[in-house]
Amino acid sequence: MKRLIAGASALVFTHAVLASEVAPNDWKRSGLYVTGVAVIDQQGKVTHIDLLPVERNDKGSKELAAQLTPLAQSTMSHWEFVPATLNGKPAEAQTFLHGVFEFRPKGKSYEARFVFIGNGPQLDKRTAPRYPRDMVSARVQAKLTMLVLVHPDGSLSDIRLESAQSTGRRPTTQFVRAATEAMSSWHAEPETVDGHAVETWVRVPISFNLRDTVSGLQYDPQLERSVDSPAEPLKSSSGEESLALDSAVKMRSQSPEL
């Protein structure tokens, strides 16, 4: 097992942390996502950032993410944005920043970096979509990309399907119905500009995954674009993070490595 060097810390981690998506220069995207609520000033600088707790089911990955928190916080604090505007003038804004850890081998160690994937309102997904019983019996899995409008009061509306993938390209009607029903009860903490909440369109990924009842391991989904998908699914992955399509705050440039 290799070791990861992040600052002055030497960390041990398993290959299960790494996802299949390979970034340029052999960087490999992990499943370790971190969110921070940030204040962006009138120059587009991050003046304050609070990281939200990392939620992981597997203990090892959660401990690794916690140890890498200083790397995430330091990287986020150096990101720069095109500032939000109000009546044509730059204004202070608050948004939720999302990033993911990437790793690559270096000798007997691993290098780590933290990469921006997007920002937007924070959705409260307290009610999880119900897995359609017929789809469980048929062992059909799915990944949906939903669109939703977040209003200034935090309510959601205009829930719709953008794209869908499924086992064997099966129709996803039952999955979409379950996702829409759950999302109808969700609430959001909207972005703000000059202290005022703003309306934002958000892209929401929702996965329906099955696990072996004995081992607890997830079945290999081998998903393809479903026959009823309105559009081709996105090639890049944002994990389970919900990202704004029309945020008042846009990243100016990305420098993923410290």
Protein backbone atom coordinates (compact mmCIF):
# COMPACT_ATOMS: atom_id res chain seq x y z
CA MET A 1 0.00 0.00 0.00
CA LYS A 2 1.39 3.39 -0.96
CA ARG A 3 1.51 6.47 1.18
CA LEU A 4 0.08 9.88 0.41
CA ILE A 5 2.03 13.00 1.25
CA ALA A 6 -0.10 16.10 1.86
CA GLY A 7 1.83 18.91 3.49
CA ALA A 8 3.60 17.43 6.49
CA SER A 9 1.21 14.52 6.94
CA ALA A 10 1.76 10.95 5.73
CA LEU A 11 -1.56 9.19 5.15
CA VAL A 12 -2.41 5.59 4.31
CA PHE A 13 -5.43 4.96 2.07
CA THR A 14 -6.96 2.14 0.07
CA HIS A 15 -7.49 2.01 -3.69
CA ALA A 16 -11.24 1.88 -3.01
CA VAL A 17 -11.08 5.63 -2.46
CA LEU A 18 -10.16 6.21 -6.10
CA ALA A 19 -12.80 6.46 -8.80
CA SER A 20 -12.39 5.39 -12.43
CA GLU A 21 -12.29 8.89 -13.88
CA VAL A 22 -8.77 9.87 -14.93
CA ALA A 23 -7.88 13.56 -15.15
CA PRO A 24 -5.10 15.03 -17.37
CA ASN A 25 -1.49 14.15 -16.44
CA ASP A 26 -2.57 10.87 -14.81
CA TRP A 27 -4.43 12.55 -11.96
CA LYS A 28 -7.16 10.16 -10.81
CA ARG A 29 -10.37 11.55 -9.34
CA SER A 30 -11.41 10.14 -5.98
CA GLY A 31 -14.78 9.83 -4.31
CA LEU A 32 -13.79 12.39 -1.66
CA TYR A 33 -15.86 15.54 -2.17
CA VAL A 34 -15.77 18.57 0.13
CA THR A 35 -18.15 21.54 0.33
CA GLY A 36 -17.47 24.93 1.89
CA VAL A 37 -19.73 27.93 2.40
CA ALA A 38 -17.79 30.95 1.16
CA VAL A 39 -18.01 34.73 1.17
CA ILE A 40 -16.73 36.26 -2.08
CA ASP A 41 -15.86 39.98 -1.93
CA GLN A 42 -16.25 42.67 -4.59
CA GLN A 43 -12.86 41.77 -6.07
CA GLY A 44 -13.77 38.09 -6.39
CA LYS A 45 -11.57 36.98 -3.48
CA VAL A 46 -12.62 34.39 -0.90
CA THR A 47 -12.66 36.32 2.38
CA HIS A 48 -14.21 33.60 4.54
CA ILE A 49 -14.73 29.85 4.16
CA ASP A 50 -16.31 27.27 6.46
CA LEU A 51 -16.07 23.63 5.43
CA LEU A 52 -19.12 21.43 5.94
CA PRO A 53 -18.68 18.02 7.63
CA VAL A 54 -17.60 15.25 5.27
CA GLU A 55 -20.23 12.51 5.10
CA ARG A 56 -18.81 9.10 4.22
CA ASN A 57 -20.21 5.65 4.97
CA ASP A 58 -16.81 3.94 4.99
CA LYS A 59 -14.68 4.81 8.01
CA GLY A 60 -11.31 4.77 6.25
CA SER A 61 -12.34 7.24 3.54
CA LYS A 62 -14.00 9.52 6.08
CA GLU A 63 -10.84 9.60 8.19
CA LEU A 64 -8.73 10.30 5.10
CA ALA A 65 -11.00 13.16 4.03
CA ALA A 66 -10.81 14.63 7.53
CA GLN A 67 -6.99 14.52 7.48
CA LEU A 68 -6.96 16.21 4.07
CA THR A 69 -9.23 19.03 5.24
CA PRO A 70 -6.36 21.54 5.61
CA LEU A 71 -5.46 20.98 1.95
CA ALA A 72 -9.06 21.61 0.88
CA GLN A 73 -9.43 24.74 3.01
CA SER A 74 -6.11 26.20 1.88
CA THR A 75 -6.89 25.56 -1.80
CA MET A 76 -10.41 27.01 -1.58
CA SER A 77 -9.14 30.17 0.10
CA HIS A 78 -6.94 30.88 -2.94
CA TRP A 79 -9.62 30.42 -5.58
CA GLU A 80 -10.59 33.61 -7.43
CA PHE A 81 -13.94 34.45 -9.01
CA VAL A 82 -15.57 36.94 -11.32
CA PRO A 83 -17.47 38.90 -8.66
CA ALA A 84 -21.25 38.98 -8.54
CA THR A 85 -22.89 42.22 -9.60
CA LEU A 86 -25.88 44.22 -8.42
CA ASN A 87 -27.22 47.00 -10.66
CA GLY A 88 -24.06 46.68 -12.75
CA LYS A 89 -21.67 47.10 -9.80
CA PRO A 90 -19.53 44.41 -8.10
CA ALA A 91 -21.13 43.10 -4.91
CA GLU A 92 -20.26 40.72 -2.09
CA ALA A 93 -21.80 37.26 -2.48
CA GLN A 94 -22.18 34.03 -0.55
CA THR A 95 -22.16 30.63 -2.24
CA PHE A 96 -21.32 26.99 -1.55
CA LEU A 97 -18.09 25.83 -3.19
CA HIS A 98 -17.62 22.18 -4.18
CA GLY A 99 -14.34 20.41 -4.82
CA VAL A 100 -12.89 16.91 -5.07
CA PHE A 101 -9.54 15.34 -4.25
CA GLU A 102 -7.44 13.88 -7.04
CA PHE A 103 -4.38 11.66 -6.63
CA ARG A 104 -1.50 10.43 -8.74
CA PRO A 105 1.42 8.09 -7.99
CA LYS A 106 4.83 9.58 -7.29
CA GLY A 107 7.43 6.92 -6.55
CA LYS A 108 6.26 5.04 -3.49
CA SER A 109 3.92 7.87 -2.50
CA TYR A 110 0.88 9.68 -3.82
CA GLU A 111 0.49 13.36 -4.62
CA ALA A 112 -2.83 14.99 -3.78
CA ARG A 113 -4.58 18.05 -5.11
CA PHE A 114 -8.02 19.58 -4.57
CA VAL A 115 -9.99 20.61 -7.67
CA PHE A 116 -12.96 22.96 -8.10
CA ILE A 117 -16.02 21.30 -9.67
CA GLY A 118 -18.64 24.01 -9.19
CA ASN A 119 -20.72 26.06 -6.78
CA GLY A 120 -24.29 27.08 -6.05
CA PRO A 121 -27.05 26.84 -3.42
CA GLN A 122 -26.94 24.05 -0.84
CA LEU A 123 -29.79 21.55 -1.11
CA ASP A 124 -31.19 19.85 1.98
CA LYS A 125 -31.67 16.27 0.71
CA ARG A 126 -33.13 14.96 3.94
CA THR A 127 -35.68 12.78 2.13
CA ALA A 128 -33.97 10.20 -0.07
CA PRO A 129 -35.71 8.97 -3.22
CA ARG A 130 -37.46 5.60 -2.76
CA TYR A 131 -35.98 2.81 -4.88
CA PRO A 132 -38.77 1.50 -7.16
CA ARG A 133 -39.63 -2.04 -6.04
CA ASP A 134 -39.96 -3.38 -9.59
CA MET A 135 -36.50 -2.07 -10.42
CA VAL A 136 -35.01 -3.79 -7.37
CA SER A 137 -36.50 -7.10 -8.44
CA ALA A 138 -35.16 -6.63 -11.97
CA ARG A 139 -31.77 -5.46 -10.62
CA VAL A 140 -31.94 -2.27 -12.65
CA GLN A 141 -29.77 0.62 -11.53
CA ALA A 142 -29.90 4.21 -12.75
CA LYS A 143 -28.25 7.60 -12.62
CA LEU A 144 -30.39 10.67 -13.24
CA THR A 145 -29.43 14.26 -13.83
CA MET A 146 -32.29 16.46 -12.67
CA LEU A 147 -32.81 20.20 -13.07
CA VAL A 148 -34.54 22.33 -10.45
CA LEU A 149 -35.13 26.03 -9.82
CA VAL A 150 -34.14 27.30 -6.36
CA HIS A 151 -36.13 30.35 -5.28
CA PRO A 152 -34.90 33.10 -2.90
CA ASP A 153 -37.04 31.65 -0.09
CA GLY A 154 -35.31 28.27 -0.51
CA SER A 155 -38.27 26.51 -2.10
CA LEU A 156 -37.84 24.40 -5.24
CA SER A 157 -39.91 24.26 -8.40
CA ASP A 158 -39.78 23.25 -12.09
CA ILE A 159 -38.26 19.85 -11.32
CA ARG A 160 -37.41 18.05 -14.54
CA LEU A 161 -35.16 15.35 -16.00
CA GLU A 162 -32.14 16.48 -18.02
CA SER A 163 -30.59 13.08 -18.80
CA ALA A 164 -30.66 9.49 -17.61
CA GLN A 165 -28.57 6.33 -17.63
CA SER A 166 -29.73 2.86 -16.68
CA THR A 167 -28.89 -0.83 -16.73
CA GLY A 168 -29.49 -2.18 -20.21
CA ARG A 169 -30.84 1.22 -21.35
CA ARG A 170 -34.10 0.43 -19.53
CA PRO A 171 -36.77 3.20 -19.28
CA THR A 172 -36.31 5.36 -16.16
CA THR A 173 -39.88 6.57 -15.66
CA GLN A 174 -40.18 4.96 -12.22
CA PHE A 175 -36.83 6.37 -11.11
CA VAL A 176 -37.76 9.87 -12.29
CA ARG A 177 -41.08 9.67 -10.46
CA ALA A 178 -39.31 8.65 -7.23
CA ALA A 179 -36.69 11.40 -7.60
CA THR A 180 -39.31 14.07 -8.31
CA GLU A 181 -41.40 13.01 -5.31
CA ALA A 182 -38.40 13.23 -2.96
CA MET A 183 -37.12 16.53 -4.40
CA SER A 184 -40.56 18.11 -3.96
CA SER A 185 -39.98 17.96 -0.18
CA TRP A 186 -36.43 19.37 -0.32
CA HIS A 187 -35.42 22.87 0.69
CA ALA A 188 -32.33 24.91 -0.15
CA GLU A 189 -30.08 27.57 1.30
CA PRO A 190 -29.85 29.95 -1.67
CA GLU A 191 -26.88 31.99 -2.81
CA THR A 192 -26.90 35.65 -1.83
CA VAL A 193 -25.72 38.84 -3.52
CA ASP A 194 -25.24 41.92 -1.32
CA GLY A 195 -27.07 40.04 1.43
CA HIS A 196 -30.12 39.28 -0.69
CA ALA A 197 -31.05 35.72 -1.68
CA VAL A 198 -31.17 35.09 -5.42
CA GLU A 199 -32.87 32.62 -7.76
CA THR A 200 -30.68 29.88 -9.29
CA TRP A 201 -31.08 26.90 -11.62
CA VAL A 202 -29.33 23.81 -10.24
CA ARG A 203 -28.25 20.50 -11.77
CA VAL A 204 -28.81 17.60 -9.35
CA PRO A 205 -27.30 14.12 -9.87
CA ILE A 206 -29.26 11.26 -8.29
CA SER A 207 -28.03 7.66 -8.29
CA PHE A 208 -29.99 4.48 -7.63
CA ASN A 209 -27.46 1.82 -6.65
CA LEU A 210 -27.96 -1.76 -5.53
CA ARG A 211 -25.65 -3.62 -3.13
CA ASP A 212 -25.05 -7.29 -2.48
CA THR A 213 -26.93 -8.25 0.69
CA VAL A 214 -24.06 -10.45 1.90
CA SER A 215 -20.89 -8.52 1.04
CA GLY A 216 -22.45 -5.06 1.04
CA LEU A 217 -20.55 -4.25 -2.15
CA GLN A 218 -22.22 -2.23 -4.89
CA TYR A 219 -23.08 -4.05 -8.09
CA ASP A 220 -21.17 -2.83 -11.13
CA PRO A 221 -23.78 -0.53 -12.69
CA GLN A 222 -22.52 -0.62 -16.33
CA LEU A 223 -24.95 2.15 -17.16
CA GLU A 224 -25.86 3.37 -20.63
CA ARG A 225 -28.02 6.23 -21.87
CA SER A 226 -31.60 5.14 -21.26
CA VAL A 227 -34.11 4.92 -24.10
CA ASP A 228 -36.13 7.77 -22.57
CA SER A 229 -33.24 10.14 -21.77
CA PRO A 230 -33.94 13.64 -23.16
CA ALA A 231 -30.23 14.28 -23.75
CA GLU A 232 -26.82 12.64 -23.76
CA PRO A 233 -25.51 12.30 -20.16
CA LEU A 234 -22.61 14.53 -19.16
CA LYS A 235 -19.16 12.99 -19.58
CA SER A 236 -17.60 14.63 -16.52
CA SER A 237 -18.70 13.57 -13.05
CA SER A 238 -19.50 15.78 -10.08
CA GLY A 239 -20.25 12.87 -7.76
CA GLU A 240 -23.46 13.57 -5.88
CA GLU A 241 -22.85 17.33 -5.68
CA SER A 242 -25.57 19.71 -6.90
CA LEU A 243 -24.14 22.54 -9.01
CA ALA A 244 -25.61 25.83 -10.21
CA LEU A 245 -26.13 26.44 -13.93
CA ASP A 246 -26.45 30.22 -13.68
CA SER A 247 -24.71 31.23 -10.46
CA ALA A 248 -24.07 34.90 -9.84
CA VAL A 249 -20.51 33.83 -8.96
CA LYS A 250 -18.21 32.35 -11.64
CA MET A 251 -14.69 31.03 -11.16
CA ARG A 252 -12.09 33.26 -12.81
CA SER A 253 -9.29 30.71 -13.15
CA GLN A 254 -8.43 27.33 -11.74
CA SER A 255 -5.15 26.35 -10.15
CA PRO A 256 -5.88 22.93 -8.67
CA GLU A 257 -2.43 22.30 -7.24
CA LEU A 258 -1.00 24.04 -4.20
